[in-house]
Structures are given as structure tokens and as C-alpha cells.
Amino acid sequence: MGYDDLIRQQAEYRVQRDDKYRQDSNERLSKILKKKVETTMIGALSSLEEHFSFLWNSGDGEMSPEQKMMYDTFQKVRSEILDKGNTQARNVDAELAQYEVKWLRYSTVLPVRTKEGEEN
């Protein structure tokens, strides 16, 4: 194997590594965005239930017809919110397909100080 072959293989490896890194970056961002959409949905539902559950909860465990209607309405709204949120979470991949994503990673620059009396 000659020098030219080694250079060509190194260039091919670099291209493959960069392609995999971009794909991994895209998948990472997709996963994070989907999780954020899901967290928003669940948080919204939790707030609705926390502030409006008095409409269908009773102390004795039995629901009046009005409470049953309120609970059924809440379940319908809950289902619609989840359906719409899940649709948007699925749309994340379609949207990301239109972009080239590259994760910039976390980086930290540590300052280096020399001690007095030392060089470099």
C-alpha cells in the first residue's frame, strides 16, 4: 500500500466520521426537542388537572351527573392535547431533515497561569 492510498483512506475515514457525527448530532437534537414537546404537554395537562379537578372530584368518590360531564370533557381535552403534541413531536424529524445539524459540544477553556519566576 502506497502513500497515496494511505492519504486517500484517511480522507475517506474523515468524511465517514464527519457524516456519522452529523447524523448523531441530528438524532441527539431530535431526541431533546421531542422530550421538550412532551414535557410541555404533560406540564400543561398537570396544570389543568391541578386547577380544575375540583369540577369533577368529590369527597365521597361518587360523581354527580355534572361532575361526570366535566370529567368526560377534561378527558376529551386531554386526549386532544396529547394527540396534537404527539403530532408536533413527530414533525420534529421532518423539520430537522431540512437542516444540517452539527452539535458544537460542550467546551471549557481553562486559563493557564505561570508561576512567578518560571518561564512558559
PDB file of N, CA and C in Angstrom:
ATOM      1  N   MET A   1       0.852  -1.164   0.000  1.00  0.00           N
ATOM      2  CA  MET A   1       0.000   0.000   0.000  1.00  0.00           C
ATOM      3  C   MET A   1       0.906   1.237   0.000  1.00  0.00           C
ATOM      4  N   GLY A   2       0.624   2.129  -0.892  1.00  0.00           N
ATOM      5  CA  GLY A   2       1.463   3.302  -1.052  1.00  0.00           C
ATOM      6  C   GLY A   2       0.971   4.492  -0.242  1.00  0.00           C
ATOM      7  N   TYR A   3       1.762   5.499  -0.279  1.00  0.00           N
ATOM      8  CA  TYR A   3       1.471   6.741   0.444  1.00  0.00           C
ATOM      9  C   TYR A   3       0.156   7.364  -0.029  1.00  0.00           C
ATOM     10  N   ASP A   4      -0.071   7.357  -1.351  1.00  0.00           N
ATOM     11  CA  ASP A   4      -1.313   7.931  -1.901  1.00  0.00           C
ATOM     12  C   ASP A   4      -2.538   7.186  -1.388  1.00  0.00           C
ATOM     13  N   ASP A   5      -2.423   5.858  -1.254  1.00  0.00           N
ATOM     14  CA  ASP A   5      -3.538   5.065  -0.731  1.00  0.00           C
ATOM     15  C   ASP A   5      -3.828   5.419   0.729  1.00  0.00           C
ATOM     16  N   LEU A   6      -2.792   5.610   1.502  1.00  0.00           N
ATOM     17  CA  LEU A   6      -2.976   5.980   2.904  1.00  0.00           C
ATOM     18  C   LEU A   6      -3.655   7.346   3.036  1.00  0.00           C
ATOM     19  N   ILE A   7      -3.243   8.289   2.203  1.00  0.00           N
ATOM     20  CA  ILE A   7      -3.843   9.621   2.219  1.00  0.00           C
ATOM     21  C   ILE A   7      -5.310   9.537   1.818  1.00  0.00           C
ATOM     22  N   ARG A   8      -5.616   8.762   0.783  1.00  0.00           N
ATOM     23  CA  ARG A   8      -6.999   8.594   0.322  1.00  0.00           C
ATOM     24  C   ARG A   8      -7.851   7.939   1.411  1.00  0.00           C
ATOM     25  N   GLN A   9      -7.331   6.907   2.059  1.00  0.00           N
ATOM     26  CA  GLN A   9      -8.076   6.226   3.122  1.00  0.00           C
ATOM     27  C   GLN A   9      -8.331   7.166   4.301  1.00  0.00           C
ATOM     28  N   GLN A  10      -7.343   7.973   4.626  1.00  0.00           N
ATOM     29  CA  GLN A  10      -7.508   8.928   5.713  1.00  0.00           C
ATOM     30  C   GLN A  10      -8.607   9.935   5.374  1.00  0.00           C
ATOM     31  N   ALA A  11      -8.634  10.410   4.146  1.00  0.00           N
ATOM     32  CA  ALA A  11      -9.663  11.366   3.718  1.00  0.00           C
ATOM     33  C   ALA A  11     -11.046  10.713   3.744  1.00  0.00           C
ATOM     34  N   GLU A  12     -11.146   9.463   3.292  1.00  0.00           N
ATOM     35  CA  GLU A  12     -12.424   8.746   3.316  1.00  0.00           C
ATOM     36  C   GLU A  12     -12.902   8.528   4.741  1.00  0.00           C
ATOM     37  N   TYR A  13     -11.972   8.167   5.611  1.00  0.00           N
ATOM     38  CA  TYR A  13     -12.316   7.964   7.022  1.00  0.00           C
ATOM     39  C   TYR A  13     -12.836   9.263   7.637  1.00  0.00           C
ATOM     40  N   ARG A  14     -12.181  10.368   7.336  1.00  0.00           N
ATOM     41  CA  ARG A  14     -12.586  11.669   7.868  1.00  0.00           C
ATOM     42  C   ARG A  14     -14.003  12.020   7.396  1.00  0.00           C
ATOM     43  N   VAL A  15     -14.295  11.772   6.129  1.00  0.00           N
ATOM     44  CA  VAL A  15     -15.636  12.057   5.587  1.00  0.00           C
ATOM     45  C   VAL A  15     -16.677  11.171   6.278  1.00  0.00           C
ATOM     46  N   GLN A  16     -16.378   9.886   6.444  1.00  0.00           N
ATOM     47  CA  GLN A  16     -17.316   8.984   7.116  1.00  0.00           C
ATOM     48  C   GLN A  16     -17.548   9.402   8.568  1.00  0.00           C
ATOM     49  N   ARG A  17     -16.478   9.786   9.242  1.00  0.00           N
ATOM     50  CA  ARG A  17     -16.579  10.204  10.634  1.00  0.00           C
ATOM     51  C   ARG A  17     -17.429  11.470  10.741  1.00  0.00           C
ATOM     52  N   ASP A  18     -17.213  12.428   9.841  1.00  0.00           N
ATOM     53  CA  ASP A  18     -17.992  13.664   9.854  1.00  0.00           C
ATOM     54  C   ASP A  18     -19.468  13.400   9.557  1.00  0.00           C
ATOM     55  N   ASP A  19     -19.746  12.498   8.604  1.00  0.00           N
ATOM     56  CA  ASP A  19     -21.133  12.148   8.289  1.00  0.00           C
ATOM     57  C   ASP A  19     -21.824  11.513   9.493  1.00  0.00           C
ATOM     58  N   LYS A  20     -21.135  10.601  10.153  1.00  0.00           N
ATOM     59  CA  LYS A  20     -21.704   9.943  11.341  1.00  0.00           C
ATOM     60  C   LYS A  20     -21.927  10.968  12.447  1.00  0.00           C
ATOM     61  N   TYR A  21     -21.000  11.886  12.609  1.00  0.00           N
ATOM     62  CA  TYR A  21     -21.142  12.910  13.644  1.00  0.00           C
ATOM     63  C   TYR A  21     -22.362  13.794  13.371  1.00  0.00           C
ATOM     64  N   ARG A  22     -22.564  14.175  12.106  1.00  0.00           N
ATOM     65  CA  ARG A  22     -23.737  14.977  11.753  1.00  0.00           C
ATOM     66  C   ARG A  22     -25.027  14.195  12.010  1.00  0.00           C
ATOM     67  N   GLN A  23     -25.034  12.925  11.656  1.00  0.00           N
ATOM     68  CA  GLN A  23     -26.214  12.088  11.883  1.00  0.00           C
ATOM     69  C   GLN A  23     -26.487  11.951  13.386  1.00  0.00           C
ATOM     70  N   ASP A  24     -25.444  11.698  14.158  1.00  0.00           N
ATOM     71  CA  ASP A  24     -25.603  11.591  15.609  1.00  0.00           C
ATOM     72  C   ASP A  24     -26.077  12.915  16.209  1.00  0.00           C
ATOM     73  N   SER A  25     -25.564  14.025  15.699  1.00  0.00           N
ATOM     74  CA  SER A  25     -25.977  15.343  16.178  1.00  0.00           C
ATOM     75  C   SER A  25     -27.461  15.568  15.893  1.00  0.00           C
ATOM     76  N   ASN A  26     -27.895  15.194  14.700  1.00  0.00           N
ATOM     77  CA  ASN A  26     -29.291  15.337  14.315  1.00  0.00           C
ATOM     78  C   ASN A  26     -30.190  14.498  15.222  1.00  0.00           C
ATOM     79  N   GLU A  27     -29.793  13.253  15.465  1.00  0.00           N
ATOM     80  CA  GLU A  27     -30.581  12.366  16.317  1.00  0.00           C
ATOM     81  C   GLU A  27     -30.637  12.882  17.751  1.00  0.00           C
ATOM     82  N   ARG A  28     -29.529  13.420  18.225  1.00  0.00           N
ATOM     83  CA  ARG A  28     -29.475  13.961  19.581  1.00  0.00           C
ATOM     84  C   ARG A  28     -30.432  15.141  19.719  1.00  0.00           C
ATOM     85  N   LEU A  29     -30.380  16.072  18.762  1.00  0.00           N
ATOM     86  CA  LEU A  29     -31.258  17.226  18.803  1.00  0.00           C
ATOM     87  C   LEU A  29     -32.723  16.802  18.694  1.00  0.00           C
ATOM     88  N   SER A  30     -33.009  15.848  17.842  1.00  0.00           N
ATOM     89  CA  SER A  30     -34.369  15.345  17.680  1.00  0.00           C
ATOM     90  C   SER A  30     -34.892  14.800  19.003  1.00  0.00           C
ATOM     91  N   LYS A  31     -34.092  14.005  19.660  1.00  0.00           N
ATOM     92  CA  LYS A  31     -34.491  13.406  20.932  1.00  0.00           C
ATOM     93  C   LYS A  31     -34.755  14.486  21.978  1.00  0.00           C
ATOM     94  N   ILE A  32     -33.883  15.483  22.048  1.00  0.00           N
ATOM     95  CA  ILE A  32     -34.034  16.563  23.022  1.00  0.00           C
ATOM     96  C   ILE A  32     -35.295  17.375  22.736  1.00  0.00           C
ATOM     97  N   LEU A  33     -35.530  17.714  21.462  1.00  0.00           N
ATOM     98  CA  LEU A  33     -36.711  18.509  21.109  1.00  0.00           C
ATOM     99  C   LEU A  33     -38.001  17.754  21.388  1.00  0.00           C
ATOM    100  N   LYS A  34     -38.032  16.455  21.061  1.00  0.00           N
ATOM    101  CA  LYS A  34     -39.229  15.656  21.330  1.00  0.00           C
ATOM    102  C   LYS A  34     -39.511  15.610  22.829  1.00  0.00           C
ATOM    103  N   LYS A  35     -38.471  15.459  23.614  1.00  0.00           N
ATOM    104  CA  LYS A  35     -38.641  15.410  25.068  1.00  0.00           C
ATOM    105  C   LYS A  35     -39.192  16.739  25.578  1.00  0.00           C
ATOM    106  N   LYS A  36     -38.744  17.846  25.017  1.00  0.00           N
ATOM    107  CA  LYS A  36     -39.239  19.153  25.438  1.00  0.00           C
ATOM    108  C   LYS A  36     -40.712  19.335  25.067  1.00  0.00           C
ATOM    109  N   VAL A  37     -41.119  18.859  23.896  1.00  0.00           N
ATOM    110  CA  VAL A  37     -42.531  18.925  23.496  1.00  0.00           C
ATOM    111  C   VAL A  37     -43.369  18.086  24.459  1.00  0.00           C
ATOM    112  N   GLU A  38     -42.904  16.875  24.757  1.00  0.00           N
ATOM    113  CA  GLU A  38     -43.637  16.000  25.674  1.00  0.00           C
ATOM    114  C   GLU A  38     -43.736  16.616  27.068  1.00  0.00           C
ATOM    115  N   THR A  39     -42.645  17.194  27.543  1.00  0.00           N
ATOM    116  CA  THR A  39     -42.642  17.820  28.864  1.00  0.00           C
ATOM    117  C   THR A  39     -43.623  18.983  28.910  1.00  0.00           C
ATOM    118  N   THR A  40     -43.700  19.755  27.832  1.00  0.00           N
ATOM    119  CA  THR A  40     -44.649  20.870  27.761  1.00  0.00           C
ATOM    120  C   THR A  40     -46.085  20.352  27.827  1.00  0.00           C
ATOM    121  N   MET A  41     -46.363  19.287  27.072  1.00  0.00           N
ATOM    122  CA  MET A  41     -47.724  18.725  27.078  1.00  0.00           C
ATOM    123  C   MET A  41     -48.105  18.230  28.464  1.00  0.00           C
ATOM    124  N   ILE A  42     -47.231  17.438  29.056  1.00  0.00           N
ATOM    125  CA  ILE A  42     -47.537  16.849  30.360  1.00  0.00           C
ATOM    126  C   ILE A  42     -47.665  17.940  31.418  1.00  0.00           C
ATOM    127  N   GLY A  43     -46.806  18.952  31.348  1.00  0.00           N
ATOM    128  CA  GLY A  43     -46.897  20.061  32.300  1.00  0.00           C
ATOM    129  C   GLY A  43     -48.203  20.818  32.167  1.00  0.00           C
ATOM    130  N   ALA A  44     -48.632  21.050  30.926  1.00  0.00           N
ATOM    131  CA  ALA A  44     -49.905  21.752  30.696  1.00  0.00           C
ATOM    132  C   ALA A  44     -51.073  20.930  31.237  1.00  0.00           C
ATOM    133  N   LEU A  45     -51.052  19.637  30.975  1.00  0.00           N
ATOM    134  CA  LEU A  45     -52.126  18.771  31.479  1.00  0.00           C
ATOM    135  C   LEU A  45     -52.142  18.732  33.004  1.00  0.00           C
ATOM    136  N   SER A  46     -50.964  18.691  33.589  1.00  0.00           N
ATOM    137  CA  SER A  46     -50.867  18.676  35.043  1.00  0.00           C
ATOM    138  C   SER A  46     -51.450  19.961  35.634  1.00  0.00           C
ATOM    139  N   SER A  47     -51.148  21.097  35.016  1.00  0.00           N
ATOM    140  CA  SER A  47     -51.694  22.371  35.499  1.00  0.00           C
ATOM    141  C   SER A  47     -53.212  22.410  35.367  1.00  0.00           C
ATOM    142  N   LEU A  48     -53.720  21.933  34.238  1.00  0.00           N
ATOM    143  CA  LEU A  48     -55.178  21.892  34.055  1.00  0.00           C
ATOM    144  C   LEU A  48     -55.835  21.037  35.132  1.00  0.00           C
ATOM    145  N   GLU A  49     -55.263  19.874  35.361  1.00  0.00           N
ATOM    146  CA  GLU A  49     -55.859  18.972  36.345  1.00  0.00           C
ATOM    147  C   GLU A  49     -55.761  19.556  37.759  1.00  0.00           C
ATOM    148  N   GLU A  50     -54.626  20.161  38.058  1.00  0.00           N
ATOM    149  CA  GLU A  50     -54.430  20.738  39.391  1.00  0.00           C
ATOM    150  C   GLU A  50     -55.441  21.850  39.678  1.00  0.00           C
ATOM    151  N   HIS A  51     -55.698  22.696  38.687  1.00  0.00           N
ATOM    152  CA  HIS A  51     -56.546  23.867  38.921  1.00  0.00           C
ATOM    153  C   HIS A  51     -58.039  23.632  38.654  1.00  0.00           C
ATOM    154  N   PHE A  52     -58.359  22.580  37.908  1.00  0.00           N
ATOM    155  CA  PHE A  52     -59.765  22.366  37.565  1.00  0.00           C
ATOM    156  C   PHE A  52     -60.337  21.042  38.067  1.00  0.00           C
ATOM    157  N   SER A  53     -59.550  20.245  38.759  1.00  0.00           N
ATOM    158  CA  SER A  53     -60.056  18.936  39.197  1.00  0.00           C
ATOM    159  C   SER A  53     -61.191  19.062  40.215  1.00  0.00           C
ATOM    160  N   PHE A  54     -61.307  20.221  40.857  1.00  0.00           N
ATOM    161  CA  PHE A  54     -62.421  20.421  41.789  1.00  0.00           C
ATOM    162  C   PHE A  54     -63.770  20.302  41.079  1.00  0.00           C
ATOM    163  N   LEU A  55     -63.769  20.464  39.749  1.00  0.00           N
ATOM    164  CA  LEU A  55     -65.025  20.386  38.999  1.00  0.00           C
ATOM    165  C   LEU A  55     -65.573  18.964  38.916  1.00  0.00           C
ATOM    166  N   TRP A  56     -64.705  17.955  39.046  1.00  0.00           N
ATOM    167  CA  TRP A  56     -65.179  16.582  38.952  1.00  0.00           C
ATOM    168  C   TRP A  56     -64.830  15.722  40.163  1.00  0.00           C
ATOM    169  N   ASN A  57     -64.008  16.212  41.053  1.00  0.00           N
ATOM    170  CA  ASN A  57     -63.684  15.443  42.268  1.00  0.00           C
ATOM    171  C   ASN A  57     -64.698  15.731  43.363  1.00  0.00           C
ATOM    172  N   SER A  58     -65.020  14.701  44.094  1.00  0.00           N
ATOM    173  CA  SER A  58     -65.880  14.896  45.259  1.00  0.00           C
ATOM    174  C   SER A  58     -65.274  14.110  46.411  1.00  0.00           C
ATOM    175  N   GLY A  59     -65.627  14.473  47.604  1.00  0.00           N
ATOM    176  CA  GLY A  59     -65.049  13.848  48.786  1.00  0.00           C
ATOM    177  C   GLY A  59     -65.467  12.403  48.973  1.00  0.00           C
ATOM    178  N   ASP A  60     -66.638  12.040  48.490  1.00  0.00           N
ATOM    179  CA  ASP A  60     -67.139  10.683  48.740  1.00  0.00           C
ATOM    180  C   ASP A  60     -66.809   9.697  47.619  1.00  0.00           C
ATOM    181  N   GLY A  61     -66.186  10.144  46.559  1.00  0.00           N
ATOM    182  CA  GLY A  61     -65.806   9.235  45.476  1.00  0.00           C
ATOM    183  C   GLY A  61     -66.889   9.041  44.431  1.00  0.00           C
ATOM    184  N   GLU A  62     -68.096   9.489  44.698  1.00  0.00           N
ATOM    185  CA  GLU A  62     -69.195   9.392  43.737  1.00  0.00           C
ATOM    186  C   GLU A  62     -69.289  10.699  42.963  1.00  0.00           C
ATOM    187  N   MET A  63     -69.538  10.582  41.649  1.00  0.00           N
ATOM    188  CA  MET A  63     -69.670  11.783  40.819  1.00  0.00           C
ATOM    189  C   MET A  63     -71.138  12.044  40.501  1.00  0.00           C
ATOM    190  N   SER A  64     -71.484  13.321  40.600  1.00  0.00           N
ATOM    191  CA  SER A  64     -72.817  13.725  40.169  1.00  0.00           C
ATOM    192  C   SER A  64     -72.815  13.736  38.631  1.00  0.00           C
ATOM    193  N   PRO A  65     -73.976  13.822  38.006  1.00  0.00           N
ATOM    194  CA  PRO A  65     -74.011  13.894  36.538  1.00  0.00           C
ATOM    195  C   PRO A  65     -73.207  15.083  35.987  1.00  0.00           C
ATOM    196  N   GLU A  66     -73.237  16.211  36.693  1.00  0.00           N
ATOM    197  CA  GLU A  66     -72.472  17.375  36.244  1.00  0.00           C
ATOM    198  C   GLU A  66     -70.964  17.122  36.358  1.00  0.00           C
ATOM    199  N   GLN A  67     -70.543  16.495  37.450  1.00  0.00           N
ATOM    200  CA  GLN A  67     -69.123  16.169  37.634  1.00  0.00           C
ATOM    201  C   GLN A  67     -68.661  15.160  36.589  1.00  0.00           C
ATOM    202  N   LYS A  68     -69.513  14.205  36.294  1.00  0.00           N
ATOM    203  CA  LYS A  68     -69.181  13.206  35.270  1.00  0.00           C
ATOM    204  C   LYS A  68     -69.000  13.888  33.919  1.00  0.00           C
ATOM    205  N   MET A  69     -69.890  14.838  33.607  1.00  0.00           N
ATOM    206  CA  MET A  69     -69.780  15.570  32.347  1.00  0.00           C
ATOM    207  C   MET A  69     -68.470  16.370  32.303  1.00  0.00           C
ATOM    208  N   MET A  70     -68.115  17.031  33.423  1.00  0.00           N
ATOM    209  CA  MET A  70     -66.867  17.794  33.483  1.00  0.00           C
ATOM    210  C   MET A  70     -65.658  16.875  33.321  1.00  0.00           C
ATOM    211  N   TYR A  71     -65.690  15.719  33.981  1.00  0.00           N
ATOM    212  CA  TYR A  71     -64.578  14.776  33.877  1.00  0.00           C
ATOM    213  C   TYR A  71     -64.448  14.261  32.441  1.00  0.00           C
ATOM    214  N   ASP A  72     -65.548  13.921  31.811  1.00  0.00           N
ATOM    215  CA  ASP A  72     -65.523  13.457  30.419  1.00  0.00           C
ATOM    216  C   ASP A  72     -64.979  14.543  29.489  1.00  0.00           C
ATOM    217  N   THR A  73     -65.375  15.797  29.747  1.00  0.00           N
ATOM    218  CA  THR A  73     -64.863  16.914  28.944  1.00  0.00           C
ATOM    219  C   THR A  73     -63.359  17.063  29.130  1.00  0.00           C
ATOM    220  N   PHE A  74     -62.906  16.958  30.383  1.00  0.00           N
ATOM    221  CA  PHE A  74     -61.463  17.033  30.651  1.00  0.00           C
ATOM    222  C   PHE A  74     -60.726  15.918  29.917  1.00  0.00           C
ATOM    223  N   GLN A  75     -61.245  14.707  29.951  1.00  0.00           N
ATOM    224  CA  GLN A  75     -60.589  13.582  29.272  1.00  0.00           C
ATOM    225  C   GLN A  75     -60.527  13.805  27.759  1.00  0.00           C
ATOM    226  N   LYS A  76     -61.560  14.409  27.202  1.00  0.00           N
ATOM    227  CA  LYS A  76     -61.570  14.716  25.768  1.00  0.00           C
ATOM    228  C   LYS A  76     -60.493  15.759  25.440  1.00  0.00           C
ATOM    229  N   VAL A  77     -60.442  16.822  26.246  1.00  0.00           N
ATOM    230  CA  VAL A  77     -59.439  17.872  26.041  1.00  0.00           C
ATOM    231  C   VAL A  77     -58.035  17.283  26.220  1.00  0.00           C
ATOM    232  N   ARG A  78     -57.850  16.458  27.235  1.00  0.00           N
ATOM    233  CA  ARG A  78     -56.564  15.816  27.499  1.00  0.00           C
ATOM    234  C   ARG A  78     -56.122  15.000  26.293  1.00  0.00           C
ATOM    235  N   SER A  79     -57.036  14.231  25.745  1.00  0.00           N
ATOM    236  CA  SER A  79     -56.732  13.401  24.573  1.00  0.00           C
ATOM    237  C   SER A  79     -56.342  14.258  23.363  1.00  0.00           C
ATOM    238  N   GLU A  80     -57.070  15.352  23.153  1.00  0.00           N
ATOM    239  CA  GLU A  80     -56.760  16.249  22.035  1.00  0.00           C
ATOM    240  C   GLU A  80     -55.389  16.895  22.206  1.00  0.00           C
ATOM    241  N   ILE A  81     -55.076  17.319  23.434  1.00  0.00           N
ATOM    242  CA  ILE A  81     -53.760  17.924  23.693  1.00  0.00           C
ATOM    243  C   ILE A  81     -52.653  16.916  23.416  1.00  0.00           C
ATOM    244  N   LEU A  82     -52.811  15.698  23.892  1.00  0.00           N
ATOM    245  CA  LEU A  82     -51.801  14.661  23.664  1.00  0.00           C
ATOM    246  C   LEU A  82     -51.655  14.337  22.179  1.00  0.00           C
ATOM    247  N   ASP A  83     -52.763  14.246  21.470  1.00  0.00           N
ATOM    248  CA  ASP A  83     -52.708  13.959  20.029  1.00  0.00           C
ATOM    249  C   ASP A  83     -51.980  15.061  19.280  1.00  0.00           C
ATOM    250  N   LYS A  84     -52.319  16.305  19.578  1.00  0.00           N
ATOM    251  CA  LYS A  84     -51.673  17.431  18.892  1.00  0.00           C
ATOM    252  C   LYS A  84     -50.198  17.531  19.257  1.00  0.00           C
ATOM    253  N   GLY A  85     -49.882  17.317  20.513  1.00  0.00           N
ATOM    254  CA  GLY A  85     -48.485  17.355  20.942  1.00  0.00           C
ATOM    255  C   GLY A  85     -47.665  16.240  20.313  1.00  0.00           C
ATOM    256  N   ASN A  86     -48.229  15.050  20.247  1.00  0.00           N
ATOM    257  CA  ASN A  86     -47.524  13.918  19.628  1.00  0.00           C
ATOM    258  C   ASN A  86     -47.315  14.157  18.133  1.00  0.00           C
ATOM    259  N   THR A  87     -48.282  14.777  17.493  1.00  0.00           N
ATOM    260  CA  THR A  87     -48.127  15.121  16.074  1.00  0.00           C
ATOM    261  C   THR A  87     -46.955  16.089  15.902  1.00  0.00           C
ATOM    262  N   GLN A  88     -46.873  17.082  16.772  1.00  0.00           N
ATOM    263  CA  GLN A  88     -45.769  18.040  16.686  1.00  0.00           C
ATOM    264  C   GLN A  88     -44.431  17.383  17.002  1.00  0.00           C
ATOM    265  N   ALA A  89     -44.412  16.461  17.935  1.00  0.00           N
ATOM    266  CA  ALA A  89     -43.169  15.742  18.255  1.00  0.00           C
ATOM    267  C   ALA A  89     -42.709  14.935  17.039  1.00  0.00           C
ATOM    268  N   ARG A  90     -43.656  14.329  16.324  1.00  0.00           N
ATOM    269  CA  ARG A  90     -43.288  13.583  15.108  1.00  0.00           C
ATOM    270  C   ARG A  90     -42.811  14.534  14.011  1.00  0.00           C
ATOM    271  N   ASN A  91     -43.349  15.734  13.975  1.00  0.00           N
ATOM    272  CA  ASN A  91     -42.946  16.717  12.963  1.00  0.00           C
ATOM    273  C   ASN A  91     -41.529  17.234  13.170  1.00  0.00           C
ATOM    274  N   VAL A  92     -40.967  17.013  14.342  1.00  0.00           N
ATOM    275  CA  VAL A  92     -39.596  17.451  14.621  1.00  0.00           C
ATOM    276  C   VAL A  92     -38.633  16.830  13.612  1.00  0.00           C
ATOM    277  N   ASP A  93     -38.762  15.534  13.365  1.00  0.00           N
ATOM    278  CA  ASP A  93     -37.851  14.856  12.421  1.00  0.00           C
ATOM    279  C   ASP A  93     -38.005  15.395  11.007  1.00  0.00           C
ATOM    280  N   ALA A  94     -39.246  15.660  10.598  1.00  0.00           N
ATOM    281  CA  ALA A  94     -39.471  16.202   9.257  1.00  0.00           C
ATOM    282  C   ALA A  94     -38.839  17.582   9.128  1.00  0.00           C
ATOM    283  N   GLU A  95     -38.932  18.374  10.176  1.00  0.00           N
ATOM    284  CA  GLU A  95     -38.343  19.712  10.142  1.00  0.00           C
ATOM    285  C   GLU A  95     -36.814  19.641  10.163  1.00  0.00           C
ATOM    286  N   LEU A  96     -36.267  18.779  11.008  1.00  0.00           N
ATOM    287  CA  LEU A  96     -34.812  18.661  11.106  1.00  0.00           C
ATOM    288  C   LEU A  96     -34.183  18.108   9.828  1.00  0.00           C
ATOM    289  N   ALA A  97     -34.955  17.372   9.046  1.00  0.00           N
ATOM    290  CA  ALA A  97     -34.432  16.814   7.792  1.00  0.00           C
ATOM    291  C   ALA A  97     -34.055  17.924   6.809  1.00  0.00           C
ATOM    292  N   GLN A  98     -34.566  19.118   7.029  1.00  0.00           N
ATOM    293  CA  GLN A  98     -34.277  20.238   6.143  1.00  0.00           C
ATOM    294  C   GLN A  98     -33.028  21.010   6.554  1.00  0.00           C
ATOM    295  N   TYR A  99     -32.370  20.536   7.610  1.00  0.00           N
ATOM    296  CA  TYR A  99     -31.207  21.241   8.136  1.00  0.00           C
ATOM    297  C   TYR A  99     -30.015  20.297   8.254  1.00  0.00           C
ATOM    298  N   GLU A 100     -28.848  20.890   8.217  1.00  0.00           N
ATOM    299  CA  GLU A 100     -27.636  20.169   8.530  1.00  0.00           C
ATOM    300  C   GLU A 100     -27.285  20.545   9.963  1.00  0.00           C
ATOM    301  N   VAL A 101     -27.314  19.566  10.838  1.00  0.00           N
ATOM    302  CA  VAL A 101     -27.131  19.834  12.254  1.00  0.00           C
ATOM    303  C   VAL A 101     -25.763  19.339  12.685  1.00  0.00           C
ATOM    304  N   LYS A 102     -25.074  20.183  13.423  1.00  0.00           N
ATOM    305  CA  LYS A 102     -23.784  19.793  13.970  1.00  0.00           C
ATOM    306  C   LYS A 102     -23.719  20.295  15.405  1.00  0.00           C
ATOM    307  N   TRP A 103     -23.642  19.350  16.339  1.00  0.00           N
ATOM    308  CA  TRP A 103     -23.579  19.694  17.744  1.00  0.00           C
ATOM    309  C   TRP A 103     -22.223  20.303  18.045  1.00  0.00           C
ATOM    310  N   LEU A 104     -22.215  21.446  18.681  1.00  0.00           N
ATOM    311  CA  LEU A 104     -20.968  22.141  18.976  1.00  0.00           C
ATOM    312  C   LEU A 104     -20.304  21.634  20.248  1.00  0.00           C
ATOM    313  N   ARG A 105     -20.922  20.692  20.906  1.00  0.00           N
ATOM    314  CA  ARG A 105     -20.412  20.068  22.133  1.00  0.00           C
ATOM    315  C   ARG A 105     -20.193  21.102  23.210  1.00  0.00           C
ATOM    316  N   TYR A 106     -19.994  20.589  24.366  1.00  0.00           N
ATOM    317  CA  TYR A 106     -19.658  21.460  25.483  1.00  0.00           C
ATOM    318  C   TYR A 106     -18.158  21.681  25.452  1.00  0.00           C
ATOM    319  N   SER A 107     -17.752  22.902  25.664  1.00  0.00           N
ATOM    320  CA  SER A 107     -16.324  23.158  25.706  1.00  0.00           C
ATOM    321  C   SER A 107     -16.021  24.126  26.833  1.00  0.00           C
ATOM    322  N   THR A 108     -14.893  23.908  27.428  1.00  0.00           N
ATOM    323  CA  THR A 108     -14.451  24.749  28.523  1.00  0.00           C
ATOM    324  C   THR A 108     -13.019  25.167  28.251  1.00  0.00           C
ATOM    325  N   VAL A 109     -12.762  26.431  28.417  1.00  0.00           N
ATOM    326  CA  VAL A 109     -11.408  26.939  28.249  1.00  0.00           C
ATOM    327  C   VAL A 109     -10.866  27.231  29.635  1.00  0.00           C
ATOM    328  N   LEU A 110      -9.820  26.527  29.993  1.00  0.00           N
ATOM    329  CA  LEU A 110      -9.207  26.738  31.290  1.00  0.00           C
ATOM    330  C   LEU A 110      -8.041  27.702  31.146  1.00  0.00           C
ATOM    331  N   PRO A 111      -8.027  28.735  31.959  1.00  0.00           N
ATOM    332  CA  PRO A 111      -6.902  29.660  31.873  1.00  0.00           C
ATOM    333  C   PRO A 111      -5.643  29.019  32.466  1.00  0.00           C
ATOM    334  N   VAL A 112      -4.528  29.280  31.858  1.00  0.00           N
ATOM    335  CA  VAL A 112      -3.257  28.742  32.337  1.00  0.00           C
ATOM    336  C   VAL A 112      -2.400  29.918  32.782  1.00  0.00           C
ATOM    337  N   ARG A 113      -1.975  29.864  34.018  1.00  0.00           N
ATOM    338  CA  ARG A 113      -1.118  30.911  34.564  1.00  0.00           C
ATOM    339  C   ARG A 113       0.233  30.298  34.898  1.00  0.00           C
ATOM    340  N   THR A 114       1.243  31.043  34.661  1.00  0.00           N
ATOM    341  CA  THR A 114       2.571  30.565  35.037  1.00  0.00           C
ATOM    342  C   THR A 114       2.895  31.085  36.431  1.00  0.00           C
ATOM    343  N   LYS A 115       3.669  30.312  37.150  1.00  0.00           N
ATOM    344  CA  LYS A 115       4.082  30.737  38.482  1.00  0.00           C
ATOM    345  C   LYS A 115       5.164  31.791  38.328  1.00  0.00           C
ATOM    346  N   GLU A 116       5.218  32.643  39.272  1.00  0.00           N
ATOM    347  CA  GLU A 116       6.244  33.684  39.223  1.00  0.00           C
ATOM    348  C   GLU A 116       7.620  33.045  39.258  1.00  0.00           C
ATOM    349  N   GLY A 117       8.470  33.528  38.439  1.00  0.00           N
ATOM    350  CA  GLY A 117       9.845  33.012  38.391  1.00  0.00           C
ATOM    351  C   GLY A 117      10.014  31.878  37.391  1.00  0.00           C
ATOM    352  N   GLU A 118       8.921  31.352  36.823  1.00  0.00           N
ATOM    353  CA  GLU A 118       9.015  30.298  35.810  1.00  0.00           C
ATOM    354  C   GLU A 118       8.693  30.868  34.453  1.00  0.00           C
ATOM    355  N   GLU A 119       9.297  30.286  33.460  1.00  0.00           N
ATOM    356  CA  GLU A 119       9.003  30.696  32.095  1.00  0.00           C
ATOM    357  C   GLU A 119       8.114  29.635  31.463  1.00  0.00           C
ATOM    358  N   ASN A 120       7.115  30.084  30.670  1.00  0.00           N
ATOM    359  CA  ASN A 120       6.168  29.208  29.975  1.00  0.00           C
ATOM    360  C   ASN A 120       5.516  28.260  30.935  1.00  0.00           C
TER     361      ASN A 120
END
